[in-house]
C-alpha atoms as a PDB file:
ATOM      1  CA  MET A   1      38.253  41.074  75.141  1.00  0.00           C
ATOM      2  CA  PHE A   2      36.528  40.449  78.496  1.00  0.00           C
ATOM      3  CA  GLU A   3      33.137  41.331  76.941  1.00  0.00           C
ATOM      4  CA  HIS A   4      30.882  38.897  78.769  1.00  0.00           C
ATOM      5  CA  PHE A   5      32.290  38.636  82.303  1.00  0.00           C
ATOM      6  CA  GLY A   6      34.397  41.813  82.337  1.00  0.00           C
ATOM      7  CA  GLU A   7      37.987  42.208  83.445  1.00  0.00           C
ATOM      8  CA  ILE A   8      38.513  40.060  86.512  1.00  0.00           C
ATOM      9  CA  GLY A   9      41.290  41.326  88.755  1.00  0.00           C
ATOM     10  CA  SER A  10      42.519  38.184  90.496  1.00  0.00           C
ATOM     11  CA  ALA A  11      42.595  34.413  90.552  1.00  0.00           C
ATOM     12  CA  GLU A  12      40.489  34.566  93.717  1.00  0.00           C
ATOM     13  CA  GLN A  13      37.765  36.507  91.901  1.00  0.00           C
ATOM     14  CA  LEU A  14      37.916  34.076  88.986  1.00  0.00           C
ATOM     15  CA  ASN A  15      37.608  31.161  91.399  1.00  0.00           C
ATOM     16  CA  GLU A  16      34.665  32.763  93.203  1.00  0.00           C
ATOM     17  CA  LEU A  17      32.849  33.425  89.949  1.00  0.00           C
ATOM     18  CA  ALA A  18      33.596  29.907  88.697  1.00  0.00           C
ATOM     19  CA  GLU A  19      32.263  28.466  91.974  1.00  0.00           C
ATOM     20  CA  ASN A  20      29.043  30.487  91.637  1.00  0.00           C
ATOM     21  CA  ILE A  21      28.595  29.408  88.027  1.00  0.00           C
ATOM     22  CA  LEU A  22      29.213  25.776  88.973  1.00  0.00           C
ATOM     23  CA  ASN A  23      26.705  26.014  91.837  1.00  0.00           C
ATOM     24  CA  GLU A  24      24.119  27.068  89.246  1.00  0.00           C
ATOM     25  CA  GLY A  25      25.015  24.001  87.194  1.00  0.00           C
ATOM     26  CA  ASP A  26      25.933  26.105  84.171  1.00  0.00           C
ATOM     27  CA  THR A  27      28.939  24.313  82.686  1.00  0.00           C
ATOM     28  CA  ASP A  28      28.561  26.180  79.384  1.00  0.00           C
ATOM     29  CA  SER A  29      29.093  29.489  81.187  1.00  0.00           C
ATOM     30  CA  LEU A  30      32.017  27.966  83.064  1.00  0.00           C
ATOM     31  CA  LYS A  31      33.625  27.063  79.739  1.00  0.00           C
ATOM     32  CA  ALA A  32      32.836  30.554  78.427  1.00  0.00           C
ATOM     33  CA  LEU A  33      34.517  32.055  81.508  1.00  0.00           C
ATOM     34  CA  ALA A  34      37.586  29.948  80.811  1.00  0.00           C
ATOM     35  CA  GLU A  35      37.695  30.909  77.136  1.00  0.00           C
ATOM     36  CA  GLU A  36      37.250  34.633  77.805  1.00  0.00           C
ATOM     37  CA  ASN A  37      40.095  34.547  80.326  1.00  0.00           C
ATOM     38  CA  GLY A  38      42.536  32.450  78.291  1.00  0.00           C
ATOM     39  CA  ILE A  39      42.112  29.431  80.531  1.00  0.00           C
ATOM     40  CA  ASP A  40      42.347  25.980  78.994  1.00  0.00           C
ATOM     41  CA  GLU A  41      38.939  24.290  78.723  1.00  0.00           C
ATOM     42  CA  GLU A  42      40.425  21.318  80.596  1.00  0.00           C
ATOM     43  CA  PHE A  43      40.659  23.474  83.737  1.00  0.00           C
ATOM     44  CA  ALA A  44      36.935  24.198  83.470  1.00  0.00           C
ATOM     45  CA  GLU A  45      36.146  20.526  82.917  1.00  0.00           C
ATOM     46  CA  ASP A  46      38.337  19.396  85.821  1.00  0.00           C
ATOM     47  CA  PHE A  47      36.736  21.975  88.094  1.00  0.00           C
ATOM     48  CA  ALA A  48      33.218  21.061  86.954  1.00  0.00           C
ATOM     49  CA  ASN A  49      33.893  17.338  87.479  1.00  0.00           C
ATOM     50  CA  GLY A  50      35.308  17.874  90.956  1.00  0.00           C
ATOM     51  CA  ASN A  51      38.814  16.834  89.881  1.00  0.00           C
ATOM     52  CA  SER A  52      40.192  20.191  90.969  1.00  0.00           C
ATOM     53  CA  GLU A  53      39.375  22.151  94.111  1.00  0.00           C
ATOM     54  CA  GLN A  54      39.903  25.493  92.397  1.00  0.00           C
ATOM     55  CA  PHE A  55      39.339  26.783  88.897  1.00  0.00           C
ATOM     56  CA  VAL A  56      42.742  28.517  88.580  1.00  0.00           C
ATOM     57  CA  ASP A  57      45.802  29.476  90.551  1.00  0.00           C
ATOM     58  CA  ALA A  58      47.531  32.866  90.298  1.00  0.00           C
ATOM     59  CA  VAL A  59      49.962  31.760  87.600  1.00  0.00           C
ATOM     60  CA  THR A  60      47.300  30.141  85.416  1.00  0.00           C
ATOM     61  CA  ALA A  61      45.103  33.233  85.743  1.00  0.00           C
ATOM     62  CA  ALA A  62      47.993  35.532  84.773  1.00  0.00           C
ATOM     63  CA  VAL A  63      49.119  33.430  81.824  1.00  0.00           C
ATOM     64  CA  GLY A  64      45.500  33.317  80.647  1.00  0.00           C
ATOM     65  CA  LYS A  65      45.191  37.099  80.759  1.00  0.00           C
ATOM     66  CA  ILE A  66      48.475  37.502  78.890  1.00  0.00           C
ATOM     67  CA  SER A  67      47.243  35.040  76.258  1.00  0.00           C
ATOM     68  CA  VAL A  68      43.981  36.922  75.695  1.00  0.00           C
ATOM     69  CA  GLU A  69      45.789  40.260  75.544  1.00  0.00           C
ATOM     70  CA  THR A  70      48.400  38.829  73.146  1.00  0.00           C
ATOM     71  CA  ASP A  71      45.644  37.633  70.813  1.00  0.00           C
ATOM     72  CA  ASP A  72      44.193  41.154  70.888  1.00  0.00           C
ATOM     73  CA  LEU A  73      47.565  42.900  70.378  1.00  0.00           C
ATOM     74  CA  LYS A  74      48.867  40.592  67.615  1.00  0.00           C
ATOM     75  CA  PRO A  75      52.518  41.409  68.355  1.00  0.00           C
ATOM     76  CA  LYS A  76      55.405  40.852  65.973  1.00  0.00           C
ATOM     77  CA  GLY A  77      59.148  40.578  66.410  1.00  0.00           C
ATOM     78  CA  LEU A  78      60.633  42.064  69.540  1.00  0.00           C
ATOM     79  CA  MET A  79      57.253  42.468  71.242  1.00  0.00           C
ATOM     80  CA  GLU A  80      56.854  38.689  71.053  1.00  0.00           C
ATOM     81  CA  ASP A  81      60.145  38.374  72.928  1.00  0.00           C
ATOM     82  CA  TRP A  82      58.988  40.871  75.554  1.00  0.00           C
ATOM     83  CA  ILE A  83      55.819  38.845  76.075  1.00  0.00           C
ATOM     84  CA  SER A  84      57.957  35.725  76.532  1.00  0.00           C
ATOM     85  CA  TYR A  85      59.911  37.605  79.208  1.00  0.00           C
ATOM     86  CA  ILE A  86      56.659  38.479  80.992  1.00  0.00           C
ATOM     87  CA  GLU A  87      55.475  34.865  80.861  1.00  0.00           C
ATOM     88  CA  ALA A  88      58.822  33.569  82.142  1.00  0.00           C
ATOM     89  CA  GLU A  89      58.807  36.015  85.047  1.00  0.00           C
ATOM     90  CA  VAL A  90      55.191  35.142  85.914  1.00  0.00           C
ATOM     91  CA  LEU A  91      56.083  31.448  86.081  1.00  0.00           C
ATOM     92  CA  GLU A  92      58.815  32.224  88.614  1.00  0.00           C
ATOM     93  CA  ASP A  93      57.079  34.824  90.785  1.00  0.00           C
ATOM     94  CA  GLU A  94      53.564  34.464  92.165  1.00  0.00           C
ATOM     95  CA  ALA A  95      53.494  38.120  93.302  1.00  0.00           C
ATOM     96  CA  LEU A  96      54.095  39.182  89.708  1.00  0.00           C
ATOM     97  CA  ALA A  97      51.440  36.721  88.519  1.00  0.00           C
ATOM     98  CA  LYS A  98      48.937  38.347  90.868  1.00  0.00           C
ATOM     99  CA  ALA A  99      49.974  41.816  89.697  1.00  0.00           C
ATOM    100  CA  VAL A 100      49.528  40.889  86.020  1.00  0.00           C
ATOM    101  CA  ARG A 101      45.919  39.939  86.732  1.00  0.00           C
ATOM    102  CA  LYS A 102      45.054  43.247  88.445  1.00  0.00           C
ATOM    103  CA  GLU A 103      42.422  45.400  86.793  1.00  0.00           C
ATOM    104  CA  GLY A 104      43.979  48.351  85.006  1.00  0.00           C
ATOM    105  CA  LYS A 105      47.223  46.515  84.287  1.00  0.00           C
ATOM    106  CA  SER A 106      47.545  45.434  80.684  1.00  0.00           C
ATOM    107  CA  LEU A 107      49.946  44.024  78.170  1.00  0.00           C
ATOM    108  CA  LYS A 108      49.572  47.202  76.105  1.00  0.00           C
ATOM    109  CA  GLY A 109      50.496  49.281  79.146  1.00  0.00           C
ATOM    110  CA  CYS A 110      53.568  47.142  79.732  1.00  0.00           C
ATOM    111  CA  MET A 111      54.571  47.393  76.058  1.00  0.00           C
ATOM    112  CA  ALA A 112      54.231  51.184  76.314  1.00  0.00           C
ATOM    113  CA  SER A 113      56.647  51.197  79.270  1.00  0.00           C
ATOM    114  CA  LEU A 114      59.136  49.111  77.314  1.00  0.00           C
ATOM    115  CA  LEU A 115      58.850  51.325  74.228  1.00  0.00           C
ATOM    116  CA  GLU A 116      59.234  54.442  76.345  1.00  0.00           C
ATOM    117  CA  ALA A 117      62.506  53.037  77.701  1.00  0.00           C
ATOM    118  CA  ALA A 118      63.618  52.213  74.148  1.00  0.00           C
ATOM    119  CA  PHE A 119      63.042  55.797  73.033  1.00  0.00           C
ATOM    120  CA  LYS A 120      64.802  57.215  76.084  1.00  0.00           C
ATOM    121  CA  THR A 121      67.917  55.091  75.514  1.00  0.00           C
ATOM    122  CA  ARG A 122      68.223  55.413  71.758  1.00  0.00           C
ATOM    123  CA  GLN A 123      71.497  56.489  70.252  1.00  0.00           C
ATOM    124  CA  ALA A 124      72.833  57.129  66.781  1.00  0.00           C
ATOM    125  CA  VAL A 125      73.935  54.059  64.870  1.00  0.00           C
ATOM    126  CA  ASP A 126      77.605  54.211  63.910  1.00  0.00           C
ATOM    127  CA  LYS A 127      78.235  55.580  60.369  1.00  0.00           C
ATOM    128  CA  GLU A 128      80.311  52.522  59.414  1.00  0.00           C
ATOM    129  CA  ILE A 129      77.385  50.277  60.283  1.00  0.00           C
ATOM    130  CA  MET A 130      74.996  52.489  58.325  1.00  0.00           C
ATOM    131  CA  ASP A 131      77.352  52.338  55.308  1.00  0.00           C
ATOM    132  CA  LYS A 132      76.881  48.533  55.301  1.00  0.00           C
ATOM    133  CA  VAL A 133      73.076  48.770  55.408  1.00  0.00           C
ATOM    134  CA  LYS A 134      71.553  47.917  52.038  1.00  0.00           C
ATOM    135  CA  LEU A 135      68.568  50.253  51.883  1.00  0.00           C
ATOM    136  CA  THR A 136      67.486  52.553  49.110  1.00  0.00           C
ATOM    137  CA  PRO A 137      67.329  55.392  49.805  1.00  0.00           C
ATOM    138  CA  LYS A 138      69.872  55.033  52.584  1.00  0.00           C
ATOM    139  CA  PRO A 139      68.895  56.970  55.704  1.00  0.00           C
ATOM    140  CA  SER A 140      71.416  59.615  56.660  1.00  0.00           C
ATOM    141  CA  ARG A 141      70.959  59.002  60.380  1.00  0.00           C
ATOM    142  CA  VAL A 142      69.326  56.253  62.417  1.00  0.00           C
ATOM    143  CA  GLU A 143      68.774  56.243  66.147  1.00  0.00           C
ATOM    144  CA  PHE A 144      68.195  52.933  67.821  1.00  0.00           C
ATOM    145  CA  GLY A 145      67.572  51.797  71.360  1.00  0.00           C
ATOM    146  CA  VAL A 146      66.053  48.661  72.792  1.00  0.00           C
ATOM    147  CA  PRO A 147      66.281  47.501  76.383  1.00  0.00           C
ATOM    148  CA  GLY A 148      68.191  44.235  76.732  1.00  0.00           C
ATOM    149  CA  MET A 149      66.599  41.241  78.428  1.00  0.00           C
ATOM    150  CA  ARG A 150      67.747  42.199  81.934  1.00  0.00           C
ATOM    151  CA  GLU A 151      66.515  45.793  81.574  1.00  0.00           C
ATOM    152  CA  ALA A 152      63.265  44.658  79.924  1.00  0.00           C
ATOM    153  CA  LYS A 153      62.537  42.297  82.824  1.00  0.00           C
ATOM    154  CA  LYS A 154      63.209  45.139  85.266  1.00  0.00           C
ATOM    155  CA  ILE A 155      60.784  47.411  83.378  1.00  0.00           C
ATOM    156  CA  ILE A 156      58.157  44.632  83.284  1.00  0.00           C
ATOM    157  CA  ARG A 157      58.426  44.154  87.050  1.00  0.00           C
ATOM    158  CA  GLU A 158      58.248  47.912  87.658  1.00  0.00           C
ATOM    159  CA  TYR A 159      55.165  48.226  85.464  1.00  0.00           C
ATOM    160  CA  TYR A 160      53.190  45.416  87.049  1.00  0.00           C
ATOM    161  CA  LEU A 161      54.451  45.679  90.628  1.00  0.00           C
ATOM    162  CA  GLY A 162      55.361  49.347  90.897  1.00  0.00           C
ATOM    163  CA  GLY A 163      51.982  50.991  90.393  1.00  0.00           C
ATOM    164  CA  LYS A 164      52.729  52.658  87.027  1.00  0.00           C
ATOM    165  CA  GLU A 165      49.644  52.566  84.794  1.00  0.00           C
END
């Protein structure tokens, strides 16, 4: 992840690097920059052909980073939902999109914040519910806690915008 060009902290930095690469006439490196940052190759082609004044905007840069980090994380189940929450929030809030792209902020860091909240809010599952669970051996006690969508979105915003690493 980010092996060739490194972690790039903003859409502006991506655009500057893309401009420099284009000025050198190196469209292969421009496509490699796009791929490494989760940017559709069409953006690189449009930029290279002069059909677009900039390589990416803040939202495209953020969604690209999330995509690359998701491929690295290989999430399952609830984490996939949490990532969808992040993407939805990024599409609605450019400040969050910019924060997602910042160096040092990562999908794994955000997932850690969400899991931390889940552990802090866990509670024992009711015995009558546990009696209906068909597991062998049946656990004698289960504690469960997961932030709902509203709380998860709040935690996501706090992680990316609030300075917590």
